[in-house]
Structure formats: structure tokens, C-alpha cells
Amino acid sequence: MTRRSPSFDSAIHDYLLKVGVTETPVQRELREFTATHRMAKMQIAPEQGQLLAWLARLTGVRRYLEIGVFTGYSALSVAQALPQDGEVVACDVSREFTGVAETYWQRAGVRDRIRLVLQPAMRTLDTLIGEERRAAGFDMAFIDADKPGTPDYYEACLTLVRPGGIIAIDNVFLGGRVVDPAKSDPPGVHVMHAFNASLVKDERVALCLLPIGDGMTLLMKR
């Protein structure tokens, strides 16, 4: 028994991947390829992908919204968990990064489930909100993009996700820098410090913050 979450060393993390994470061959290849990328730190942990896919299956997700795609591991993880007629709307601005994603999505046989939109995410979100049939039509959303934009992405997702749906937010710890933002210069640290604190009092959602990856917040829209 323990009263706090442990810090995993390499041996325990390797064990976690061995017994706690199931990946398709394409998922594993994408993860290993991304580990060699110059921006590899932007990749979610495989156990996070496992959690997102598990939540999608548990709650019967059919429509999934992702803000921040990078090389596509999280979108692939969830797309594989959706039914045949499921839909992913994936928002990003980088053709270079998402070009990798599209290659692996195609290899995994889920490319037709994913609508990739390359433009600033708020432009896409505003468009979705403006389409009445899309309002409150998503079952789950995942925010993993620029940190200064997180509060705006969150508010948009609250409009787009149905009651009872899930909003997941990555990197809420920022490597521990959110604990004392006065020691950090990047504006995103100060934004996330205030944003994390605001969620505790946000009665529109039920909150669960998990020490997984760099910290992942799960929110159920009331």
C-alpha cells in the first residue's frame, strides 16, 4: 500500500509497457519512429494512448476531436478503438509532422476515419461550433497543443462535447514547472498554472488529474 503515486524508474516503466500496454504493430512502429524524431518530447506516452483508447471503448465514443496531432500516435490509438463508422477530427498546423501521421494511419487502415484539418485550431473549432449539427456532437476531445491556447481550446471543447463526454488535456505538469511558475519565463507555464487551478472550481465538469506521462487531466462534462 502507498499513499502517493510512485516515480517510475526505467525498469518499472519497461515492465509497464510489457504487461500494461497493447499496441498493434503499426502503433509500435510509429512510436519507435517518433522516438528518433528531433521533437520526440512532443509524443504522448504509450500508456496514455492505451488509456485514451480504453476510455473510447468504455464510453462508446463515435466522434473524437483532437487538438494537436504531431506524428499521429494518439489519433491512431483512438481511431483503432472506434467503430467502423466512427470519426476523428484532427487539428494541427504542421504538414511536415502530420505527413508522418497520414502514412501510418493509412498503413493501419484507419485513414478514412480521420479528417485532418491543417490550420490554426481555433479557426477549426469556431467553424465546428458554427455548424449547428456539430454542436455538442463529439463524445471525446483531447487537447495536446500549444499551452497558451489551452483555455480557449477547453472552452470550445465544452461547447462541442456532449454532456457525459470526456475532455482530456495533456502536459498539465509541464515537467514540474507549474508548481512554481515564478521561476519560469515561458508564458505557457503561467497559463497552465492558472488554468489547472481554475478546473478545481469549474462546476461544468467532473475532474480527475492523473500522474501519467507529463500529467493528464480527464474531465467529464456534466
Protein backbone atom coordinates (compact mmCIF):
# COMPACT_ATOMS: atom_id res chain seq x y z
CA MET A 1 0.00 0.00 0.00
CA THR A 2 1.10 3.56 -0.61
CA ARG A 3 -0.40 6.97 -0.08
CA ARG A 4 1.16 8.55 -3.17
CA SER A 5 1.88 7.74 -6.79
CA PRO A 6 5.40 6.38 -7.32
CA SER A 7 8.05 7.77 -9.64
CA PHE A 8 8.83 5.02 -12.11
CA ASP A 9 12.40 4.10 -12.89
CA SER A 10 13.31 2.62 -16.27
CA ALA A 11 12.86 -0.98 -15.12
CA ILE A 12 9.33 -0.40 -13.82
CA HIS A 13 8.40 1.61 -16.92
CA ASP A 14 9.66 -1.17 -19.17
CA TYR A 15 7.59 -3.62 -17.14
CA LEU A 16 4.55 -1.37 -17.52
CA LEU A 17 4.94 -1.39 -21.30
CA LYS A 18 5.36 -5.16 -21.28
CA VAL A 19 2.29 -6.08 -19.22
CA GLY A 20 0.07 -2.99 -19.40
CA VAL A 21 0.17 -1.68 -22.95
CA THR A 22 -1.13 -3.47 -26.04
CA GLU A 23 -0.17 -1.97 -29.38
CA THR A 24 -0.77 -3.00 -32.94
CA PRO A 25 2.42 -3.45 -34.99
CA VAL A 26 1.77 -0.13 -36.75
CA GLN A 27 1.32 1.69 -33.45
CA ARG A 28 4.58 0.31 -32.15
CA GLU A 29 6.43 1.21 -35.35
CA LEU A 30 5.07 4.75 -35.22
CA ARG A 31 6.05 5.14 -31.57
CA GLU A 32 9.56 3.84 -32.21
CA PHE A 33 9.95 6.04 -35.28
CA THR A 34 8.80 9.12 -33.37
CA ALA A 35 11.29 8.37 -30.58
CA THR A 36 14.04 9.24 -33.07
CA HIS A 37 12.36 12.49 -34.15
CA ARG A 38 14.01 15.81 -33.30
CA MET A 39 10.79 16.78 -31.46
CA ALA A 40 10.26 13.39 -29.82
CA LYS A 41 9.32 15.02 -26.50
CA MET A 42 6.01 16.06 -28.08
CA GLN A 43 4.91 12.43 -28.29
CA ILE A 44 2.45 11.12 -25.70
CA ALA A 45 3.46 8.11 -23.63
CA PRO A 46 2.16 4.75 -24.90
CA GLU A 47 0.26 4.21 -21.67
CA GLN A 48 -1.58 7.46 -22.38
CA GLY A 49 -2.56 6.18 -25.80
CA GLN A 50 -3.75 2.98 -24.14
CA LEU A 51 -5.84 5.00 -21.68
CA LEU A 52 -7.45 7.13 -24.39
CA ALA A 53 -8.35 4.06 -26.43
CA TRP A 54 -9.71 2.31 -23.33
CA LEU A 55 -11.88 5.31 -22.48
CA ALA A 56 -13.14 5.44 -26.05
CA ARG A 57 -14.22 1.80 -25.88
CA LEU A 58 -15.63 2.13 -22.36
CA THR A 59 -17.85 5.10 -23.20
CA GLY A 60 -18.80 4.11 -26.75
CA VAL A 61 -17.06 7.02 -28.46
CA ARG A 62 -18.07 7.50 -32.08
CA ARG A 63 -16.82 11.04 -32.68
CA TYR A 64 -13.42 12.16 -31.37
CA LEU A 65 -11.84 15.60 -31.57
CA GLU A 66 -8.08 16.03 -31.29
CA ILE A 67 -6.23 19.34 -30.96
CA GLY A 68 -2.54 18.82 -31.64
CA VAL A 69 -1.67 15.78 -33.75
CA PHE A 70 2.15 15.71 -34.13
CA THR A 71 3.04 12.36 -35.78
CA GLY A 72 -0.37 10.88 -35.07
CA TYR A 73 0.07 8.30 -32.29
CA SER A 74 -2.84 9.47 -30.13
CA ALA A 75 -5.20 9.81 -33.10
CA LEU A 76 -4.20 6.35 -34.29
CA SER A 77 -4.76 4.85 -30.84
CA VAL A 78 -8.29 6.23 -30.62
CA ALA A 79 -9.21 5.68 -34.28
CA GLN A 80 -8.48 1.98 -33.88
CA ALA A 81 -10.87 1.90 -30.91
CA LEU A 82 -13.76 3.48 -32.81
CA PRO A 83 -16.48 1.57 -34.67
CA GLN A 84 -16.25 1.33 -38.45
CA ASP A 85 -18.40 4.45 -38.89
CA GLY A 86 -16.50 6.41 -36.24
CA GLU A 87 -14.97 9.80 -36.99
CA VAL A 88 -11.85 11.62 -35.84
CA VAL A 89 -11.43 15.35 -36.47
CA ALA A 90 -7.73 16.10 -36.06
CA CYS A 91 -6.47 19.70 -35.80
CA ASP A 92 -2.88 20.72 -36.47
CA VAL A 93 -0.81 23.29 -38.37
CA SER A 94 2.20 21.23 -39.44
CA ARG A 95 2.12 19.47 -42.77
CA GLU A 96 5.55 18.01 -42.01
CA PHE A 97 4.55 16.28 -38.77
CA THR A 98 1.10 15.18 -39.93
CA GLY A 99 2.59 13.83 -43.15
CA VAL A 100 4.17 11.15 -40.99
CA ALA A 101 0.84 10.60 -39.25
CA GLU A 102 -1.04 10.08 -42.51
CA THR A 103 1.44 7.45 -43.64
CA TYR A 104 0.89 5.35 -40.52
CA TRP A 105 -2.87 5.94 -40.42
CA GLN A 106 -3.04 4.59 -43.96
CA ARG A 107 -0.95 1.56 -43.05
CA ALA A 108 -3.21 0.87 -40.06
CA GLY A 109 -6.33 1.02 -42.22
CA VAL A 110 -7.96 3.92 -40.36
CA ARG A 111 -7.16 6.84 -42.66
CA ASP A 112 -10.76 7.03 -43.84
CA ARG A 113 -11.94 7.62 -40.26
CA ILE A 114 -9.71 10.65 -39.72
CA ARG A 115 -10.42 14.14 -41.06
CA LEU A 116 -7.20 16.13 -40.77
CA VAL A 117 -7.59 19.92 -40.79
CA LEU A 118 -4.39 21.95 -41.22
CA GLN A 119 -4.97 25.45 -39.91
CA PRO A 120 -4.93 27.19 -36.51
CA ALA A 121 -7.08 25.05 -34.24
CA MET A 122 -9.36 27.85 -33.04
CA ARG A 123 -10.37 28.52 -36.63
CA THR A 124 -11.42 24.89 -36.98
CA LEU A 125 -13.17 24.87 -33.60
CA ASP A 126 -15.08 28.06 -34.38
CA THR A 127 -16.21 26.54 -37.66
CA LEU A 128 -17.40 23.38 -35.92
CA ILE A 129 -19.27 25.44 -33.33
CA GLY A 130 -20.86 27.47 -36.11
CA GLU A 131 -22.25 24.35 -37.71
CA GLU A 132 -25.34 23.66 -35.64
CA ARG A 133 -25.35 19.96 -36.34
CA ARG A 134 -21.84 19.69 -34.91
CA ALA A 135 -22.59 21.48 -31.64
CA ALA A 136 -22.27 19.11 -28.67
CA GLY A 137 -21.76 16.30 -31.15
CA PHE A 138 -18.39 14.93 -30.03
CA ASP A 139 -18.05 12.16 -27.47
CA MET A 140 -14.42 12.85 -26.54
CA ALA A 141 -11.78 15.51 -27.11
CA PHE A 142 -8.04 15.52 -26.47
CA ILE A 143 -6.08 18.77 -26.10
CA ASP A 144 -2.34 18.42 -26.67
CA ALA A 145 -1.27 21.61 -28.41
CA ASP A 146 0.33 24.98 -27.57
CA LYS A 147 -0.15 25.63 -23.86
CA PRO A 148 -1.09 29.35 -24.05
CA GLY A 149 -4.06 28.33 -26.18
CA THR A 150 -5.31 25.64 -23.80
CA PRO A 151 -8.00 27.72 -22.01
CA ASP A 152 -9.57 28.71 -25.35
CA TYR A 153 -9.40 25.15 -26.67
CA TYR A 154 -11.04 23.95 -23.47
CA GLU A 155 -13.94 26.39 -23.71
CA ALA A 156 -14.54 25.38 -27.32
CA CYS A 157 -14.47 21.71 -26.38
CA LEU A 158 -17.05 22.33 -23.66
CA THR A 159 -19.38 23.50 -26.41
CA LEU A 160 -18.53 20.71 -28.83
CA VAL A 161 -18.52 17.73 -26.45
CA ARG A 162 -21.83 16.21 -25.39
CA PRO A 163 -22.93 16.01 -21.74
CA GLY A 164 -21.29 12.94 -20.25
CA GLY A 165 -18.48 13.19 -22.78
CA ILE A 166 -14.77 13.36 -21.95
CA ILE A 167 -12.19 16.12 -22.39
CA ALA A 168 -8.58 15.03 -21.85
CA ILE A 169 -5.73 17.54 -21.51
CA ASP A 170 -2.06 16.59 -21.72
CA ASN A 171 1.11 18.09 -20.21
CA VAL A 172 -0.63 19.69 -17.25
CA PHE A 173 2.55 19.33 -15.13
CA LEU A 174 4.93 20.82 -17.71
CA GLY A 175 7.79 18.86 -16.23
CA GLY A 176 7.02 20.21 -12.77
CA ARG A 177 7.31 23.87 -13.77
CA VAL A 178 3.64 24.59 -12.95
CA VAL A 179 4.41 24.15 -9.25
CA ASP A 180 6.28 27.47 -9.13
CA PRO A 181 5.62 29.44 -12.34
CA ALA A 182 7.55 32.45 -10.99
CA LYS A 183 10.73 30.52 -11.80
CA SER A 184 9.75 30.05 -15.46
CA ASP A 185 9.72 32.52 -18.31
CA PRO A 186 7.54 30.78 -20.95
CA PRO A 187 4.02 32.26 -20.79
CA GLY A 188 2.52 28.81 -21.19
CA VAL A 189 3.69 27.86 -17.69
CA HIS A 190 1.80 30.73 -16.10
CA VAL A 191 -1.25 29.99 -18.24
CA MET A 192 -1.30 26.32 -17.26
CA HIS A 193 -0.74 27.13 -13.58
CA ALA A 194 -3.84 29.35 -13.55
CA PHE A 195 -5.82 27.01 -15.80
CA ASN A 196 -5.17 23.94 -13.64
CA ALA A 197 -6.30 25.84 -10.56
CA SER A 198 -9.47 27.02 -12.29
CA LEU A 199 -10.62 23.49 -13.11
CA VAL A 200 -10.92 22.56 -9.44
CA LYS A 201 -13.76 25.07 -9.12
CA ASP A 202 -15.33 24.50 -12.56
CA GLU A 203 -18.78 23.07 -11.86
CA ARG A 204 -19.36 22.33 -15.54
CA VAL A 205 -17.11 19.27 -15.30
CA ALA A 206 -16.07 16.42 -13.03
CA LEU A 207 -12.28 16.42 -12.65
CA CYS A 208 -9.68 13.66 -12.45
CA LEU A 209 -5.98 14.52 -12.74
CA LEU A 210 -3.69 11.54 -13.31
CA PRO A 211 0.12 11.39 -12.84
CA ILE A 212 0.57 9.72 -16.21
CA GLY A 213 3.03 10.96 -18.83
CA ASP A 214 3.57 14.64 -18.06
CA GLY A 215 0.27 14.81 -16.23
CA MET A 216 -3.10 14.23 -17.87
CA THR A 217 -6.36 15.81 -16.76
CA LEU A 218 -9.59 13.98 -17.51
CA LEU A 219 -12.84 15.91 -17.38
CA MET A 220 -16.39 14.63 -17.76
CA LYS A 221 -18.79 17.29 -19.00
CA ARG A 222 -21.81 17.48 -16.71
